[in-house]
């Protein structure tokens, strides 16, 4: 396995972070063109398993969040909108300060990978059954 220092790699459900002095632009033979590794000091991530029907409370991230469905089906909702569902391998980016929730579908568990871009999470009210099931 090759790890590029100062990078974040997301591939097939694997999140790899390493820190240190970044290589010079274009110095990696595995890329074509000018590719510069950026500092990942404010990026945090995690993995959670949701049983069927389990979900988060409403919340927002002041710098945004990326959610990836590693296994199962992902269901997400945003204030005032119908929920969306994603198959295994699907992902959704939620912009900064957008109130949302996410979790498994009613019949399928979920393993999610979540990545935050620094900042804080503001937790709000529980997601009701009516909100979870609104089309």
Protein backbone atom coordinates (compact mmCIF):
# COMPACT_ATOMS: atom_id res chain seq x y z
CA UNK A 1 0.00 0.00 0.00
CA UNK A 2 1.30 3.47 -0.85
CA UNK A 3 0.35 6.48 1.27
CA UNK A 4 1.03 10.00 0.07
CA UNK A 5 1.96 12.21 3.00
CA UNK A 6 -0.45 15.08 3.63
CA UNK A 7 -3.40 13.51 1.84
CA UNK A 8 -6.87 12.09 2.30
CA UNK A 9 -7.74 9.07 0.21
CA UNK A 10 -11.34 7.76 0.03
CA UNK A 11 -11.71 4.58 -1.97
CA UNK A 12 -14.05 1.60 -1.67
CA UNK A 13 -15.08 2.56 1.86
CA UNK A 14 -11.50 3.07 3.09
CA UNK A 15 -10.47 6.42 4.48
CA UNK A 16 -6.74 6.94 4.90
CA UNK A 17 -5.32 10.09 6.44
CA UNK A 18 -1.66 10.86 6.97
CA UNK A 19 0.05 14.07 7.91
CA UNK A 20 3.48 15.57 7.37
CA UNK A 21 5.35 17.57 4.79
CA UNK A 22 3.50 17.50 1.48
CA UNK A 23 5.40 16.54 -1.69
CA UNK A 24 6.10 19.15 -4.34
CA UNK A 25 3.38 19.66 -7.00
CA UNK A 26 3.57 17.05 -9.74
CA UNK A 27 6.22 15.00 -7.91
CA UNK A 28 4.21 11.76 -7.69
CA UNK A 29 4.61 9.42 -10.69
CA UNK A 30 1.07 8.04 -10.17
CA UNK A 31 -0.55 11.30 -11.33
CA UNK A 32 -0.50 13.16 -14.64
CA UNK A 33 -0.37 16.95 -14.53
CA UNK A 34 0.08 19.20 -11.52
CA UNK A 35 -1.52 17.60 -8.44
CA UNK A 36 -0.76 19.11 -5.04
CA UNK A 37 -1.53 17.32 -1.76
CA UNK A 38 -3.40 19.62 0.61
CA UNK A 39 -3.17 19.79 4.38
CA UNK A 40 -5.77 17.52 6.04
CA UNK A 41 -5.41 18.77 9.62
CA UNK A 42 -9.07 19.84 9.97
CA UNK A 43 -10.60 16.73 8.40
CA UNK A 44 -12.18 14.19 10.74
CA UNK A 45 -13.99 11.00 9.90
CA UNK A 46 -15.78 8.06 11.38
CA UNK A 47 -17.64 4.86 10.62
CA UNK A 48 -21.00 3.92 12.12
CA UNK A 49 -23.35 0.99 11.79
CA UNK A 50 -27.08 1.79 11.80
CA UNK A 51 -29.53 -1.06 12.24
CA UNK A 52 -32.58 -0.98 9.94
CA UNK A 53 -34.71 2.07 10.82
CA UNK A 54 -31.99 3.76 12.91
CA UNK A 55 -31.09 7.39 12.13
CA UNK A 56 -29.52 10.51 13.57
CA UNK A 57 -31.29 13.49 15.07
CA UNK A 58 -31.53 16.64 12.96
CA UNK A 59 -28.17 18.42 12.90
CA UNK A 60 -25.87 20.64 10.85
CA UNK A 61 -22.12 21.00 10.34
CA UNK A 62 -20.70 24.50 10.07
CA UNK A 63 -18.18 23.34 7.44
CA UNK A 64 -20.16 20.60 5.68
CA UNK A 65 -20.14 16.80 5.70
CA UNK A 66 -19.67 13.96 3.22
CA UNK A 67 -21.49 10.65 3.87
CA UNK A 68 -20.60 7.44 2.04
CA UNK A 69 -22.68 4.22 2.13
CA UNK A 70 -20.05 1.52 2.66
CA UNK A 71 -22.63 -1.27 3.14
CA UNK A 72 -26.42 -1.37 2.91
CA UNK A 73 -28.70 1.55 2.00
CA UNK A 74 -28.38 5.17 3.12
CA UNK A 75 -31.42 7.41 3.69
CA UNK A 76 -30.91 11.17 4.11
CA UNK A 77 -33.24 14.09 4.66
CA UNK A 78 -32.94 17.87 4.56
CA UNK A 79 -35.34 20.40 6.08
CA UNK A 80 -38.38 20.91 3.86
CA UNK A 81 -37.39 18.21 1.35
CA UNK A 82 -38.34 14.59 0.73
CA UNK A 83 -35.76 12.03 1.81
CA UNK A 84 -33.25 10.51 -0.64
CA UNK A 85 -31.86 6.98 -0.69
CA UNK A 86 -28.49 5.72 -1.89
CA UNK A 87 -27.31 2.20 -2.66
CA UNK A 88 -24.04 0.79 -1.36
CA UNK A 89 -21.25 2.96 -2.80
CA UNK A 90 -23.47 6.05 -2.98
CA UNK A 91 -22.60 9.29 -1.25
CA UNK A 92 -24.05 12.68 -0.40
CA UNK A 93 -22.38 15.98 0.42
CA UNK A 94 -24.28 18.30 2.76
CA UNK A 95 -23.13 21.94 2.52
CA UNK A 96 -22.30 24.03 5.62
CA UNK A 97 -25.15 24.85 8.02
CA UNK A 98 -27.79 22.77 6.19
CA UNK A 99 -30.04 20.98 8.69
CA UNK A 100 -30.25 17.28 7.86
CA UNK A 101 -30.39 13.74 9.23
CA UNK A 102 -29.14 10.40 7.90
CA UNK A 103 -29.30 6.71 8.68
CA UNK A 104 -30.43 3.31 7.45
CA UNK A 105 -33.61 2.57 5.51
CA UNK A 106 -36.52 0.91 7.34
CA UNK A 107 -35.60 -2.57 6.05
CA UNK A 108 -31.82 -2.48 5.45
CA UNK A 109 -28.94 -1.79 7.87
CA UNK A 110 -26.21 0.70 6.91
CA UNK A 111 -22.49 1.10 7.50
CA UNK A 112 -21.63 4.71 6.76
CA UNK A 113 -18.34 6.57 6.51
CA UNK A 114 -18.66 10.24 7.41
CA UNK A 115 -16.13 12.99 6.80
CA UNK A 116 -16.32 16.46 8.33
CA UNK A 117 -14.25 19.37 7.09
CA UNK A 118 -13.46 20.86 10.48
CA UNK A 119 -15.78 22.96 12.59
CA UNK A 120 -18.54 21.75 14.87
CA UNK A 121 -21.80 19.79 14.75
CA UNK A 122 -24.98 21.48 15.99
CA UNK A 123 -27.42 18.85 17.29
CA UNK A 124 -31.14 19.64 17.10
CA UNK A 125 -34.39 17.68 17.68
CA UNK A 126 -34.93 13.95 17.13
CA UNK A 127 -36.03 12.94 13.64
CA UNK A 128 -39.65 11.80 13.96
CA UNK A 129 -41.14 8.76 12.22
CA UNK A 130 -43.21 11.12 10.05
CA UNK A 131 -40.09 13.05 8.94
CA UNK A 132 -38.15 9.81 8.35
CA UNK A 133 -40.94 8.43 6.14
CA UNK A 134 -42.01 11.66 4.32
CA UNK A 135 -41.79 11.30 0.54
